[in-house]
C-alpha atoms as a PDB file:
ATOM      1  CA  MET A   1      -0.048  -0.066  -0.053  1.00  0.00           C
ATOM      2  CA  VAL A   2       1.238   3.510  -0.898  1.00  0.00           C
ATOM      3  CA  SER A   3       0.940   6.105   1.945  1.00  0.00           C
ATOM      4  CA  TRP A   4      -1.499   8.957   1.512  1.00  0.00           C
ATOM      5  CA  VAL A   5       1.580  11.439   1.555  1.00  0.00           C
ATOM      6  CA  LYS A   6       3.157   9.680  -1.447  1.00  0.00           C
ATOM      7  CA  ARG A   7      -0.202   9.738  -3.202  1.00  0.00           C
ATOM      8  CA  LEU A   8      -0.561  13.456  -2.666  1.00  0.00           C
ATOM      9  CA  GLY A   9       3.036  13.924  -4.054  1.00  0.00           C
ATOM     10  CA  TYR A  10       2.232  11.636  -6.948  1.00  0.00           C
ATOM     11  CA  SER A  11      -0.836  13.774  -7.764  1.00  0.00           C
ATOM     12  CA  ALA A  12       0.857  17.166  -7.361  1.00  0.00           C
ATOM     13  CA  LEU A  13       3.769  15.983  -9.565  1.00  0.00           C
ATOM     14  CA  SER A  14       1.407  14.619 -12.187  1.00  0.00           C
ATOM     15  CA  PHE A  15      -0.653  17.806 -12.272  1.00  0.00           C
ATOM     16  CA  MET A  16       2.404  20.075 -12.425  1.00  0.00           C
ATOM     17  CA  LEU A  17       4.056  18.055 -15.327  1.00  0.00           C
ATOM     18  CA  ALA A  18       0.830  17.780 -17.230  1.00  0.00           C
ATOM     19  CA  GLY A  19       0.074  21.523 -16.811  1.00  0.00           C
ATOM     20  CA  VAL A  20       3.593  22.543 -18.015  1.00  0.00           C
ATOM     21  CA  VAL A  21       3.494  20.155 -20.997  1.00  0.00           C
ATOM     22  CA  CYS A  22      -0.085  21.307 -22.026  1.00  0.00           C
ATOM     23  CA  ALA A  23       0.632  24.966 -21.441  1.00  0.00           C
ATOM     24  CA  GLY A  24       3.831  24.630 -23.558  1.00  0.00           C
ATOM     25  CA  VAL A  25       2.002  22.945 -26.444  1.00  0.00           C
ATOM     26  CA  VAL A  26      -0.796  25.460 -26.386  1.00  0.00           C
ATOM     27  CA  LEU A  27       1.448  28.555 -26.154  1.00  0.00           C
ATOM     28  CA  ALA A  28       3.828  27.030 -28.934  1.00  0.00           C
ATOM     29  CA  ASP A  29       0.771  26.256 -31.176  1.00  0.00           C
ATOM     30  CA  GLY A  30      -0.532  29.797 -30.667  1.00  0.00           C
ATOM     31  CA  VAL A  31      -3.990  28.715 -29.407  1.00  0.00           C
ATOM     32  CA  LEU A  32      -3.720  31.353 -26.783  1.00  0.00           C
ATOM     33  CA  GLU A  33      -2.000  34.260 -28.509  1.00  0.00           C
ATOM     34  CA  ALA A  34       0.171  35.526 -25.762  1.00  0.00           C
ATOM     35  CA  ARG A  35       2.885  38.003 -26.039  1.00  0.00           C
ATOM     36  CA  GLY A  36       4.931  39.759 -23.332  1.00  0.00           C
ATOM     37  CA  GLY A  37       2.796  40.332 -20.232  1.00  0.00           C
ATOM     38  CA  ASP A  38      -0.050  38.356 -21.814  1.00  0.00           C
ATOM     39  CA  LEU A  39       2.320  35.352 -21.670  1.00  0.00           C
ATOM     40  CA  ALA A  40       2.664  35.517 -18.009  1.00  0.00           C
ATOM     41  CA  LEU A  41      -1.157  36.061 -17.512  1.00  0.00           C
ATOM     42  CA  SER A  42      -1.859  33.064 -19.825  1.00  0.00           C
ATOM     43  CA  VAL A  43       0.540  30.769 -17.988  1.00  0.00           C
ATOM     44  CA  GLY A  44      -0.817  32.035 -14.569  1.00  0.00           C
ATOM     45  CA  PHE A  45      -4.355  31.364 -15.650  1.00  0.00           C
ATOM     46  CA  ILE A  46      -3.352  27.751 -16.678  1.00  0.00           C
ATOM     47  CA  VAL A  47      -1.537  27.277 -13.413  1.00  0.00           C
ATOM     48  CA  GLY A  48      -4.413  28.617 -11.516  1.00  0.00           C
ATOM     49  CA  LEU A  49      -6.859  26.294 -13.184  1.00  0.00           C
ATOM     50  CA  CYS A  50      -4.557  23.345 -12.486  1.00  0.00           C
ATOM     51  CA  ILE A  51      -4.394  24.219  -8.883  1.00  0.00           C
ATOM     52  CA  LEU A  52      -8.286  24.504  -8.772  1.00  0.00           C
ATOM     53  CA  GLY A  53      -8.516  21.019 -10.515  1.00  0.00           C
ATOM     54  CA  TRP A  54      -5.878  19.450  -8.294  1.00  0.00           C
ATOM     55  CA  ALA A  55      -7.717  20.792  -5.159  1.00  0.00           C
ATOM     56  CA  VAL A  56     -11.088  19.552  -6.302  1.00  0.00           C
ATOM     57  CA  THR A  57      -9.745  16.087  -7.099  1.00  0.00           C
ATOM     58  CA  LEU A  58      -7.752  15.621  -3.869  1.00  0.00           C
ATOM     59  CA  PRO A  59     -10.542  13.514  -2.111  1.00  0.00           C
ATOM     60  CA  LEU A  60     -10.630  11.241  -5.098  1.00  0.00           C
ATOM     61  CA  VAL A  61      -6.893  10.975  -5.103  1.00  0.00           C
ATOM     62  CA  LEU A  62      -6.847   9.904  -1.546  1.00  0.00           C
ATOM     63  CA  ALA A  63      -9.684   7.524  -2.230  1.00  0.00           C
ATOM     64  CA  VAL A  64      -7.777   5.595  -5.019  1.00  0.00           C
ATOM     65  CA  LYS A  65      -5.640   3.021  -3.398  1.00  0.00           C
ATOM     66  CA  GLU A  66      -5.472   0.404  -6.043  1.00  0.00           C
ATOM     67  CA  ALA A  67      -4.597   0.972  -9.731  1.00  0.00           C
ATOM     68  CA  ARG A  68      -4.345  -2.511 -11.170  1.00  0.00           C
ATOM     69  CA  GLY A  69      -6.313  -4.302 -13.966  1.00  0.00           C
ATOM     70  CA  GLY A  70      -9.585  -2.767 -15.076  1.00  0.00           C
ATOM     71  CA  ARG A  71      -9.711  -0.291 -12.313  1.00  0.00           C
ATOM     72  CA  PHE A  72      -6.778   1.490 -13.881  1.00  0.00           C
ATOM     73  CA  TRP A  73      -8.660   2.249 -17.036  1.00  0.00           C
ATOM     74  CA  VAL A  74     -11.877   3.182 -15.200  1.00  0.00           C
ATOM     75  CA  TYR A  75      -9.944   5.657 -13.094  1.00  0.00           C
ATOM     76  CA  TRP A  76      -8.154   7.053 -15.978  1.00  0.00           C
ATOM     77  CA  ILE A  77     -11.305   7.743 -17.953  1.00  0.00           C
ATOM     78  CA  ALA A  78     -13.045   9.210 -14.834  1.00  0.00           C
ATOM     79  CA  GLY A  79     -10.037  11.273 -14.262  1.00  0.00           C
ATOM     80  CA  SER A  80      -9.830  12.537 -17.810  1.00  0.00           C
ATOM     81  CA  LEU A  81     -13.471  13.617 -17.815  1.00  0.00           C
ATOM     82  CA  LEU A  82     -13.109  15.655 -14.584  1.00  0.00           C
ATOM     83  CA  GLY A  83     -11.136  18.432 -16.125  1.00  0.00           C
ATOM     84  CA  PRO A  84     -13.587  19.240 -18.921  1.00  0.00           C
ATOM     85  CA  LEU A  85     -16.530  18.936 -16.535  1.00  0.00           C
ATOM     86  CA  LEU A  86     -14.918  21.202 -14.029  1.00  0.00           C
ATOM     87  CA  MET A  87     -14.245  23.795 -16.798  1.00  0.00           C
ATOM     88  CA  ILE A  88     -17.860  23.768 -18.014  1.00  0.00           C
ATOM     89  CA  ALA A  89     -18.919  24.134 -14.371  1.00  0.00           C
ATOM     90  CA  VAL A  90     -16.781  27.217 -13.993  1.00  0.00           C
ATOM     91  CA  PHE A  91     -18.187  28.696 -17.178  1.00  0.00           C
ATOM     92  CA  TRP A  92     -21.700  28.133 -16.097  1.00  0.00           C
ATOM     93  CA  LEU A  93     -21.021  29.794 -12.631  1.00  0.00           C
ATOM     94  CA  ASP A  94     -19.343  32.681 -14.429  1.00  0.00           C
ATOM     95  CA  PHE A  95     -22.513  33.100 -16.661  1.00  0.00           C
ATOM     96  CA  ALA A  96     -24.944  32.762 -13.731  1.00  0.00           C
ATOM     97  CA  LEU A  97     -23.209  34.828 -11.233  1.00  0.00           C
ATOM     98  CA  VAL A  98     -21.478  37.602 -13.267  1.00  0.00           C
ATOM     99  CA  PRO A  99     -23.780  39.953 -15.065  1.00  0.00           C
ATOM    100  CA  GLY A 100     -22.866  40.446 -18.610  1.00  0.00           C
ATOM    101  CA  ASP A 101     -24.315  40.695 -22.143  1.00  0.00           C
ATOM    102  CA  PRO A 102     -27.851  39.156 -22.173  1.00  0.00           C
ATOM    103  CA  HIS A 103     -27.286  37.715 -25.592  1.00  0.00           C
ATOM    104  CA  ALA A 104     -24.145  35.959 -24.666  1.00  0.00           C
ATOM    105  CA  GLN A 105     -23.874  32.228 -24.577  1.00  0.00           C
ATOM    106  CA  TRP A 106     -22.742  30.498 -21.476  1.00  0.00           C
ATOM    107  CA  LEU A 107     -20.575  27.997 -23.336  1.00  0.00           C
ATOM    108  CA  GLY A 108     -19.703  29.908 -26.577  1.00  0.00           C
ATOM    109  CA  PRO A 109     -17.261  28.809 -29.180  1.00  0.00           C
ATOM    110  CA  GLU A 110     -14.482  30.934 -27.716  1.00  0.00           C
ATOM    111  CA  ARG A 111     -14.464  28.821 -24.490  1.00  0.00           C
ATOM    112  CA  TRP A 112     -14.044  25.487 -26.183  1.00  0.00           C
ATOM    113  CA  PRO A 113     -10.337  25.603 -26.434  1.00  0.00           C
ATOM    114  CA  LEU A 114     -10.115  25.925 -22.704  1.00  0.00           C
ATOM    115  CA  VAL A 115     -12.360  22.782 -22.213  1.00  0.00           C
ATOM    116  CA  HIS A 116     -10.079  20.917 -24.583  1.00  0.00           C
ATOM    117  CA  LEU A 117      -7.036  22.091 -22.632  1.00  0.00           C
ATOM    118  CA  ALA A 118      -8.576  21.022 -19.325  1.00  0.00           C
ATOM    119  CA  GLY A 119      -9.151  17.581 -20.962  1.00  0.00           C
ATOM    120  CA  GLY A 120      -5.536  17.276 -21.952  1.00  0.00           C
ATOM    121  CA  ILE A 121      -4.288  18.322 -18.654  1.00  0.00           C
ATOM    122  CA  SER A 122      -6.702  16.139 -16.703  1.00  0.00           C
ATOM    123  CA  GLY A 123      -6.057  13.077 -18.979  1.00  0.00           C
ATOM    124  CA  MET A 124      -2.248  13.483 -18.788  1.00  0.00           C
ATOM    125  CA  ALA A 125      -2.319  14.080 -14.947  1.00  0.00           C
ATOM    126  CA  SER A 126      -4.587  11.074 -14.324  1.00  0.00           C
ATOM    127  CA  LEU A 127      -2.382   8.841 -16.475  1.00  0.00           C
ATOM    128  CA  GLY A 128       0.759  10.080 -14.692  1.00  0.00           C
ATOM    129  CA  TYR A 129      -0.801   9.668 -11.234  1.00  0.00           C
ATOM    130  CA  LEU A 130      -2.002   6.143 -11.946  1.00  0.00           C
ATOM    131  CA  LEU A 131       1.265   5.026 -13.485  1.00  0.00           C
ATOM    132  CA  LEU A 132       3.152   6.416 -10.399  1.00  0.00           C
ATOM    133  CA  LEU A 133       0.744   4.749  -8.062  1.00  0.00           C
ATOM    134  CA  ARG A 134       1.047   1.497  -9.858  1.00  0.00           C
ATOM    135  CA  ARG A 135       4.734   1.664  -9.787  1.00  0.00           C
ATOM    136  CA  GLY A 136       4.561   2.387  -6.038  1.00  0.00           C
ATOM    137  CA  LEU A 137       2.345  -0.577  -5.488  1.00  0.00           C
ATOM    138  CA  ASN A 138       4.681  -2.923  -7.380  1.00  0.00           C
ATOM    139  CA  ARG A 139       7.792  -1.836  -5.590  1.00  0.00           C
ATOM    140  CA  PRO A 140       9.079  -4.360  -2.905  1.00  0.00           C
ATOM    141  CA  ARG A 141       9.235  -3.033   0.619  1.00  0.00           C
END
């Protein structure tokens, strides 16, 4: 069994690496057109969303103690879906709580790249966490 401290460390490491890789790909590809000060704002936004996603998933991270066999794939699919669902919830809360244009859409086409980014980050972070957890479970003590 892997201790809860190690599982938290695995989770934090996985989220950080996934966030850096996905942010690098997004910024290199020009999806978020960031220059100068906008670059720092874009990276800060991505890091902030990663921290939010990590904080929301901490109870689930601590609940997962076994990552072998079919559970591995079920946990990976569930973890991959959490990021996009969280982003959609954030967009809905923004639309519901912040007054704005009455003709605006709560999930307009300009927001879909962020949903895809959240999917990439959560998919990579879930995979990284589960692989690290499985490695920790297979280590002799």
